[in-house]
């Protein structure tokens, strides 16, 4: 998982729509920390800092340490509500991470040893079906990425979740099927070239037969003219 982010916060004394609207007018975003055996903790964070972290692109897949009252609470973002018009964050849900707890996260995949793939070496294309894997991991053992080896993969081959070695403490959240992560396909240029070659081979036969027929007709006309 990406390096932990730090997000300063302050406790919310009041809940409700009116209090939330007031916080937003002051440049703050209401949020809640829930999970574990503790009661939900109402907080608010600075809107600008939250937007900055959202723009990193990995906020939802990062552990976020909430600084609250001199303490650091380890959390995982679970939901960010955005304004329907301006896309500004309006509310955030954080899941409290406790020791030994398991969480469901999306972890990006990367592909290794592409130079050892016969299909890629001959010009094939890796068609990625899933850029992330939905995993259930121990809260303190969330991987930053899942590496998939494509050694020996040829055009037409597929990579399924059953072929992937997941790190200790992690398992697929999808268990009812052996889903596809990526396939090796022929490049469009190669497909087009093969298609054009087949069309050319098909067109050659009638053209030859037509030429032969034309020649025979000319010979017959010449003979008739001679008579």
C-alpha atoms as a PDB file:
ATOM      1  CA  UNK A   1       0.000   0.000   0.000  1.00  0.00           C
ATOM      2  CA  UNK A   2       1.078   3.590  -0.530  1.00  0.00           C
ATOM      3  CA  UNK A   3       2.948   5.348   2.277  1.00  0.00           C
ATOM      4  CA  UNK A   4       0.699   6.530   5.095  1.00  0.00           C
ATOM      5  CA  UNK A   5      -0.738  10.015   4.737  1.00  0.00           C
ATOM      6  CA  UNK A   6      -1.205  12.399   7.639  1.00  0.00           C
ATOM      7  CA  UNK A   7      -4.353  14.484   7.949  1.00  0.00           C
ATOM      8  CA  UNK A   8      -4.853  16.965  10.847  1.00  0.00           C
ATOM      9  CA  UNK A   9      -8.395  17.056  12.219  1.00  0.00           C
ATOM     10  CA  UNK A  10     -10.518  18.618  14.916  1.00  0.00           C
ATOM     11  CA  UNK A  11     -13.398  17.116  16.850  1.00  0.00           C
ATOM     12  CA  UNK A  12     -16.947  18.030  15.863  1.00  0.00           C
ATOM     13  CA  UNK A  13     -19.166  19.090  18.719  1.00  0.00           C
ATOM     14  CA  UNK A  14     -22.396  19.042  16.746  1.00  0.00           C
ATOM     15  CA  UNK A  15     -23.815  16.802  14.036  1.00  0.00           C
ATOM     16  CA  UNK A  16     -26.608  17.577  11.596  1.00  0.00           C
ATOM     17  CA  UNK A  17     -27.018  19.337   8.258  1.00  0.00           C
ATOM     18  CA  UNK A  18     -26.907  22.850   9.694  1.00  0.00           C
ATOM     19  CA  UNK A  19     -23.632  22.258  11.506  1.00  0.00           C
ATOM     20  CA  UNK A  20     -22.141  20.587   8.423  1.00  0.00           C
ATOM     21  CA  UNK A  21     -23.105  23.500   6.175  1.00  0.00           C
ATOM     22  CA  UNK A  22     -21.481  25.918   8.610  1.00  0.00           C
ATOM     23  CA  UNK A  23     -18.249  23.906   8.582  1.00  0.00           C
ATOM     24  CA  UNK A  24     -18.160  23.910   4.774  1.00  0.00           C
ATOM     25  CA  UNK A  25     -18.615  27.686   4.706  1.00  0.00           C
ATOM     26  CA  UNK A  26     -15.545  27.893   6.958  1.00  0.00           C
ATOM     27  CA  UNK A  27     -13.451  25.787   4.574  1.00  0.00           C
ATOM     28  CA  UNK A  28     -13.787  22.571   6.548  1.00  0.00           C
ATOM     29  CA  UNK A  29     -15.151  19.146   5.602  1.00  0.00           C
ATOM     30  CA  UNK A  30     -17.146  17.077   8.120  1.00  0.00           C
ATOM     31  CA  UNK A  31     -16.023  13.468   8.547  1.00  0.00           C
ATOM     32  CA  UNK A  32     -16.499  10.436  10.765  1.00  0.00           C
ATOM     33  CA  UNK A  33     -14.190   7.676  12.006  1.00  0.00           C
ATOM     34  CA  UNK A  34     -15.946   4.374  12.694  1.00  0.00           C
ATOM     35  CA  UNK A  35     -15.089   0.728  13.241  1.00  0.00           C
ATOM     36  CA  UNK A  36     -13.553  -1.383  15.933  1.00  0.00           C
ATOM     37  CA  UNK A  37     -15.285  -1.553  19.297  1.00  0.00           C
ATOM     38  CA  UNK A  38     -15.361   2.213  19.792  1.00  0.00           C
ATOM     39  CA  UNK A  39     -18.153   4.660  19.141  1.00  0.00           C
ATOM     40  CA  UNK A  40     -17.957   6.692  15.896  1.00  0.00           C
ATOM     41  CA  UNK A  41     -15.785   9.795  16.230  1.00  0.00           C
ATOM     42  CA  UNK A  42     -17.084  12.973  14.588  1.00  0.00           C
ATOM     43  CA  UNK A  43     -14.340  15.176  13.143  1.00  0.00           C
ATOM     44  CA  UNK A  44     -13.731  17.857  10.511  1.00  0.00           C
ATOM     45  CA  UNK A  45     -10.680  18.440   8.325  1.00  0.00           C
ATOM     46  CA  UNK A  46      -9.351  21.310   6.225  1.00  0.00           C
ATOM     47  CA  UNK A  47     -10.904  21.236   2.750  1.00  0.00           C
ATOM     48  CA  UNK A  48      -7.743  22.393   0.917  1.00  0.00           C
ATOM     49  CA  UNK A  49      -5.562  19.719   2.501  1.00  0.00           C
ATOM     50  CA  UNK A  50      -8.155  17.029   1.828  1.00  0.00           C
ATOM     51  CA  UNK A  51      -8.401  18.053  -1.848  1.00  0.00           C
ATOM     52  CA  UNK A  52      -4.602  18.034  -2.134  1.00  0.00           C
ATOM     53  CA  UNK A  53      -4.458  14.480  -0.833  1.00  0.00           C
ATOM     54  CA  UNK A  54      -7.347  13.387  -3.023  1.00  0.00           C
ATOM     55  CA  UNK A  55      -5.466  14.709  -6.050  1.00  0.00           C
ATOM     56  CA  UNK A  56      -2.515  12.391  -5.348  1.00  0.00           C
ATOM     57  CA  UNK A  57      -4.590   9.641  -6.930  1.00  0.00           C
ATOM     58  CA  UNK A  58      -3.927   7.103  -4.177  1.00  0.00           C
ATOM     59  CA  UNK A  59      -5.834   8.586  -1.244  1.00  0.00           C
ATOM     60  CA  UNK A  60      -8.473   5.838  -1.206  1.00  0.00           C
ATOM     61  CA  UNK A  61      -5.791   3.129  -1.194  1.00  0.00           C
ATOM     62  CA  UNK A  62      -3.627   4.706   1.509  1.00  0.00           C
ATOM     63  CA  UNK A  63      -3.547   4.416   5.252  1.00  0.00           C
ATOM     64  CA  UNK A  64      -4.396   7.862   6.619  1.00  0.00           C
ATOM     65  CA  UNK A  65      -3.195   8.826  10.073  1.00  0.00           C
ATOM     66  CA  UNK A  66      -5.702  11.261  11.554  1.00  0.00           C
ATOM     67  CA  UNK A  67      -4.065  13.685  13.993  1.00  0.00           C
ATOM     68  CA  UNK A  68      -6.691  14.421  16.605  1.00  0.00           C
ATOM     69  CA  UNK A  69      -6.095  15.931  20.049  1.00  0.00           C
ATOM     70  CA  UNK A  70      -2.415  15.022  20.120  1.00  0.00           C
ATOM     71  CA  UNK A  71      -3.062  11.422  19.071  1.00  0.00           C
ATOM     72  CA  UNK A  72      -2.678   9.651  15.749  1.00  0.00           C
ATOM     73  CA  UNK A  73      -5.497   7.363  14.644  1.00  0.00           C
ATOM     74  CA  UNK A  74      -4.673   4.923  11.865  1.00  0.00           C
ATOM     75  CA  UNK A  75      -7.559   4.813   9.368  1.00  0.00           C
ATOM     76  CA  UNK A  76      -8.510   3.793   5.865  1.00  0.00           C
ATOM     77  CA  UNK A  77     -10.716   6.094   3.730  1.00  0.00           C
ATOM     78  CA  UNK A  78     -13.916   4.281   2.770  1.00  0.00           C
ATOM     79  CA  UNK A  79     -16.055   6.937   1.103  1.00  0.00           C
ATOM     80  CA  UNK A  80     -15.820  10.564  -0.036  1.00  0.00           C
ATOM     81  CA  UNK A  81     -19.072  12.342  -0.867  1.00  0.00           C
ATOM     82  CA  UNK A  82     -18.656  15.011  -3.563  1.00  0.00           C
ATOM     83  CA  UNK A  83     -20.864  17.957  -4.469  1.00  0.00           C
ATOM     84  CA  UNK A  84     -22.843  17.032  -7.622  1.00  0.00           C
ATOM     85  CA  UNK A  85     -21.948  20.295  -9.396  1.00  0.00           C
ATOM     86  CA  UNK A  86     -18.474  21.450  -8.313  1.00  0.00           C
ATOM     87  CA  UNK A  87     -17.061  18.069  -7.150  1.00  0.00           C
ATOM     88  CA  UNK A  88     -15.899  19.533  -3.847  1.00  0.00           C
ATOM     89  CA  UNK A  89     -15.694  17.002  -0.995  1.00  0.00           C
ATOM     90  CA  UNK A  90     -18.657  17.301   1.359  1.00  0.00           C
ATOM     91  CA  UNK A  91     -18.130  14.396   3.745  1.00  0.00           C
ATOM     92  CA  UNK A  92     -15.586  11.639   4.379  1.00  0.00           C
ATOM     93  CA  UNK A  93     -15.930   8.242   6.057  1.00  0.00           C
ATOM     94  CA  UNK A  94     -12.807   6.736   7.632  1.00  0.00           C
ATOM     95  CA  UNK A  95     -12.522   3.149   8.875  1.00  0.00           C
ATOM     96  CA  UNK A  96     -10.608   2.821  12.139  1.00  0.00           C
ATOM     97  CA  UNK A  97      -7.819   0.239  11.804  1.00  0.00           C
ATOM     98  CA  UNK A  98      -7.215  -1.971  14.814  1.00  0.00           C
ATOM     99  CA  UNK A  99      -4.514  -4.582  15.292  1.00  0.00           C
ATOM    100  CA  UNK A 100      -5.460  -7.892  13.674  1.00  0.00           C
ATOM    101  CA  UNK A 101      -8.416  -6.402  11.815  1.00  0.00           C
ATOM    102  CA  UNK A 102      -9.025  -7.288   8.178  1.00  0.00           C
ATOM    103  CA  UNK A 103     -10.125  -4.739   5.586  1.00  0.00           C
ATOM    104  CA  UNK A 104     -11.254  -4.869   1.964  1.00  0.00           C
ATOM    105  CA  UNK A 105      -9.076  -2.754  -0.328  1.00  0.00           C
ATOM    106  CA  UNK A 106      -8.323  -2.295  -4.025  1.00  0.00           C
ATOM    107  CA  UNK A 107      -4.651  -2.914  -4.771  1.00  0.00           C
ATOM    108  CA  UNK A 108      -3.093  -2.022  -8.168  1.00  0.00           C
ATOM    109  CA  UNK A 109      -1.445  -4.709 -10.308  1.00  0.00           C
ATOM    110  CA  UNK A 110       1.875  -4.417 -12.148  1.00  0.00           C
ATOM    111  CA  UNK A 111       3.293  -6.816 -14.719  1.00  0.00           C
ATOM    112  CA  UNK A 112       6.859  -8.128 -14.613  1.00  0.00           C
ATOM    113  CA  UNK A 113       9.236  -9.871 -17.057  1.00  0.00           C
ATOM    114  CA  UNK A 114       7.476  -8.614 -20.182  1.00  0.00           C
ATOM    115  CA  UNK A 115      10.715  -9.210 -22.110  1.00  0.00           C
ATOM    116  CA  UNK A 116      10.317 -12.944 -21.348  1.00  0.00           C
ATOM    117  CA  UNK A 117       6.859 -13.175 -22.906  1.00  0.00           C
ATOM    118  CA  UNK A 118       6.934 -14.728 -26.423  1.00  0.00           C
ATOM    119  CA  UNK A 119       3.623 -13.058 -27.237  1.00  0.00           C
ATOM    120  CA  UNK A 120       4.821  -9.580 -26.328  1.00  0.00           C
ATOM    121  CA  UNK A 121       8.163 -10.096 -28.098  1.00  0.00           C
ATOM    122  CA  UNK A 122       6.381 -10.879 -31.363  1.00  0.00           C
ATOM    123  CA  UNK A 123       4.287  -7.713 -31.084  1.00  0.00           C
ATOM    124  CA  UNK A 124       1.327  -8.880 -29.048  1.00  0.00           C
ATOM    125  CA  UNK A 125      -0.505  -6.496 -26.719  1.00  0.00           C
ATOM    126  CA  UNK A 126      -1.267  -7.001 -23.035  1.00  0.00           C
ATOM    127  CA  UNK A 127      -4.977  -6.265 -22.649  1.00  0.00           C
ATOM    128  CA  UNK A 128      -5.474  -5.439 -18.960  1.00  0.00           C
ATOM    129  CA  UNK A 129      -8.986  -6.337 -17.803  1.00  0.00           C
ATOM    130  CA  UNK A 130      -8.447  -5.425 -14.138  1.00  0.00           C
ATOM    131  CA  UNK A 131      -5.999  -2.707 -13.136  1.00  0.00           C
ATOM    132  CA  UNK A 132      -6.750  -3.375  -9.449  1.00  0.00           C
ATOM    133  CA  UNK A 133      -7.535  -6.446  -7.386  1.00  0.00           C
ATOM    134  CA  UNK A 134     -10.234  -6.420  -4.722  1.00  0.00           C
ATOM    135  CA  UNK A 135      -8.480  -8.002  -1.747  1.00  0.00           C
ATOM    136  CA  UNK A 136      -9.158  -8.716   1.902  1.00  0.00           C
ATOM    137  CA  UNK A 137      -5.980  -8.007   3.870  1.00  0.00           C
ATOM    138  CA  UNK A 138      -4.803  -7.676   7.415  1.00  0.00           C
ATOM    139  CA  UNK A 139      -4.840  -3.975   8.273  1.00  0.00           C
ATOM    140  CA  UNK A 140      -1.112  -3.843   8.951  1.00  0.00           C
ATOM    141  CA  UNK A 141      -0.142  -5.959   5.902  1.00  0.00           C
ATOM    142  CA  UNK A 142      -1.776  -4.164   2.995  1.00  0.00           C
ATOM    143  CA  UNK A 143       0.489  -4.532  -0.087  1.00  0.00           C
ATOM    144  CA  UNK A 144       1.328  -1.491  -2.192  1.00  0.00           C
ATOM    145  CA  UNK A 145       0.884  -3.510  -5.403  1.00  0.00           C
ATOM    146  CA  UNK A 146       0.502  -7.038  -6.730  1.00  0.00           C
ATOM    147  CA  UNK A 147       3.175  -8.170  -9.190  1.00  0.00           C
ATOM    148  CA  UNK A 148       2.148 -10.574 -11.953  1.00  0.00           C
ATOM    149  CA  UNK A 149       4.800 -12.486 -13.927  1.00  0.00           C
ATOM    150  CA  UNK A 150       4.103 -12.802 -17.676  1.00  0.00           C
ATOM    151  CA  UNK A 151       7.085 -15.075 -18.408  1.00  0.00           C
ATOM    152  CA  UNK A 152       6.181 -17.588 -21.127  1.00  0.00           C
ATOM    153  CA  UNK A 153       2.838 -15.981 -21.982  1.00  0.00           C
ATOM    154  CA  UNK A 154       1.948 -16.086 -25.683  1.00  0.00           C
ATOM    155  CA  UNK A 155      -0.731 -14.478 -27.854  1.00  0.00           C
ATOM    156  CA  UNK A 156      -4.105 -15.952 -26.894  1.00  0.00           C
ATOM    157  CA  UNK A 157      -3.114 -16.690 -23.288  1.00  0.00           C
ATOM    158  CA  UNK A 158      -5.079 -15.313 -20.326  1.00  0.00           C
ATOM    159  CA  UNK A 159      -4.036 -14.586 -16.754  1.00  0.00           C
ATOM    160  CA  UNK A 160      -6.541 -15.548 -14.056  1.00  0.00           C
ATOM    161  CA  UNK A 161      -6.611 -14.810 -10.337  1.00  0.00           C
ATOM    162  CA  UNK A 162      -5.843 -18.484  -9.589  1.00  0.00           C
ATOM    163  CA  UNK A 163      -2.383 -18.001 -11.133  1.00  0.00           C
ATOM    164  CA  UNK A 164      -1.457 -15.056  -8.899  1.00  0.00           C
ATOM    165  CA  UNK A 165       0.546 -15.566  -5.726  1.00  0.00           C
ATOM    166  CA  UNK A 166      -0.923 -13.188  -3.163  1.00  0.00           C
ATOM    167  CA  UNK A 167       1.181 -12.063  -0.197  1.00  0.00           C
ATOM    168  CA  UNK A 168       0.673 -13.554   3.253  1.00  0.00           C
ATOM    169  CA  UNK A 169      -2.381 -12.164   4.975  1.00  0.00           C
ATOM    170  CA  UNK A 170      -4.166 -11.298   1.707  1.00  0.00           C
ATOM    171  CA  UNK A 171      -6.901 -13.106  -0.213  1.00  0.00           C
ATOM    172  CA  UNK A 172      -9.221 -12.264  -3.078  1.00  0.00           C
ATOM    173  CA  UNK A 173     -12.536 -10.728  -2.072  1.00  0.00           C
ATOM    174  CA  UNK A 174     -14.092 -12.401  -5.132  1.00  0.00           C
ATOM    175  CA  UNK A 175     -14.306 -16.131  -4.490  1.00  0.00           C
ATOM    176  CA  UNK A 176     -17.146 -17.318  -6.717  1.00  0.00           C
ATOM    177  CA  UNK A 177     -15.186 -17.349  -9.996  1.00  0.00           C
ATOM    178  CA  UNK A 178     -11.685 -17.542 -11.445  1.00  0.00           C
ATOM    179  CA  UNK A 179     -11.822 -14.094 -13.024  1.00  0.00           C
ATOM    180  CA  UNK A 180      -9.526 -12.828 -15.787  1.00  0.00           C
ATOM    181  CA  UNK A 181      -6.960 -10.138 -14.989  1.00  0.00           C
ATOM    182  CA  UNK A 182      -5.340  -9.763 -18.425  1.00  0.00           C
ATOM    183  CA  UNK A 183      -5.094 -11.368 -21.853  1.00  0.00           C
ATOM    184  CA  UNK A 184      -2.452 -11.340 -24.590  1.00  0.00           C
ATOM    185  CA  UNK A 185      -3.951 -10.336 -27.921  1.00  0.00           C
ATOM    186  CA  UNK A 186      -2.560  -9.818 -31.412  1.00  0.00           C
ATOM    187  CA  UNK A 187      -1.999  -6.163 -32.314  1.00  0.00           C
ATOM    188  CA  UNK A 188      -4.616  -4.607 -34.604  1.00  0.00           C
ATOM    189  CA  UNK A 189      -1.975  -4.047 -37.304  1.00  0.00           C
ATOM    190  CA  UNK A 190      -1.140  -7.767 -37.313  1.00  0.00           C
ATOM    191  CA  UNK A 191      -4.813  -8.715 -37.480  1.00  0.00           C
ATOM    192  CA  UNK A 192      -5.371  -6.256 -40.356  1.00  0.00           C
ATOM    193  CA  UNK A 193      -2.351  -7.594 -42.249  1.00  0.00           C
ATOM    194  CA  UNK A 194      -3.580 -11.174 -41.920  1.00  0.00           C
ATOM    195  CA  UNK A 195      -7.075 -10.149 -42.997  1.00  0.00           C
ATOM    196  CA  UNK A 196      -5.760  -8.308 -46.065  1.00  0.00           C
ATOM    197  CA  UNK A 197      -3.619 -11.321 -46.963  1.00  0.00           C
ATOM    198  CA  UNK A 198      -6.643 -13.616 -46.839  1.00  0.00           C
ATOM    199  CA  UNK A 199      -8.668 -11.207 -49.008  1.00  0.00           C
ATOM    200  CA  UNK A 200      -5.851 -10.997 -51.561  1.00  0.00           C
ATOM    201  CA  UNK A 201      -5.586 -14.795 -51.732  1.00  0.00           C
ATOM    202  CA  UNK A 202      -9.343 -15.093 -52.253  1.00  0.00           C
ATOM    203  CA  UNK A 203      -9.401 -12.416 -54.964  1.00  0.00           C
ATOM    204  CA  UNK A 204      -6.583 -14.053 -56.986  1.00  0.00           C
ATOM    205  CA  UNK A 205      -8.595 -17.124 -58.000  1.00  0.00           C
ATOM    206  CA  UNK A 206     -11.583 -15.499 -59.707  1.00  0.00           C
ATOM    207  CA  UNK A 207      -9.308 -12.947 -61.357  1.00  0.00           C
ATOM    208  CA  UNK A 208      -7.238 -15.700 -62.999  1.00  0.00           C
ATOM    209  CA  UNK A 209     -10.308 -17.615 -64.103  1.00  0.00           C
ATOM    210  CA  UNK A 210     -11.793 -14.421 -65.546  1.00  0.00           C
ATOM    211  CA  UNK A 211      -8.603 -13.668 -67.488  1.00  0.00           C
ATOM    212  CA  UNK A 212      -8.557 -17.172 -68.925  1.00  0.00           C
ATOM    213  CA  UNK A 213     -12.187 -16.847 -69.944  1.00  0.00           C
ATOM    214  CA  UNK A 214     -11.526 -13.495 -71.628  1.00  0.00           C
ATOM    215  CA  UNK A 215      -8.611 -14.954 -73.592  1.00  0.00           C
ATOM    216  CA  UNK A 216     -10.722 -17.880 -74.786  1.00  0.00           C
ATOM    217  CA  UNK A 217     -13.471 -15.531 -75.902  1.00  0.00           C
ATOM    218  CA  UNK A 218     -11.033 -13.432 -77.912  1.00  0.00           C
ATOM    219  CA  UNK A 219      -9.690 -16.553 -79.671  1.00  0.00           C
ATOM    220  CA  UNK A 220     -13.234 -17.655 -80.600  1.00  0.00           C
ATOM    221  CA  UNK A 221     -14.040 -14.197 -82.011  1.00  0.00           C
ATOM    222  CA  UNK A 222     -10.845 -14.245 -84.047  1.00  0.00           C
ATOM    223  CA  UNK A 223     -11.730 -17.640 -85.487  1.00  0.00           C
ATOM    224  CA  UNK A 224     -15.232 -16.535 -86.407  1.00  0.00           C
ATOM    225  CA  UNK A 225     -13.836 -13.441 -88.045  1.00  0.00           C
ATOM    226  CA  UNK A 226     -11.513 -15.625 -90.125  1.00  0.00           C
ATOM    227  CA  UNK A 227     -14.428 -17.618 -91.451  1.00  0.00           C
END
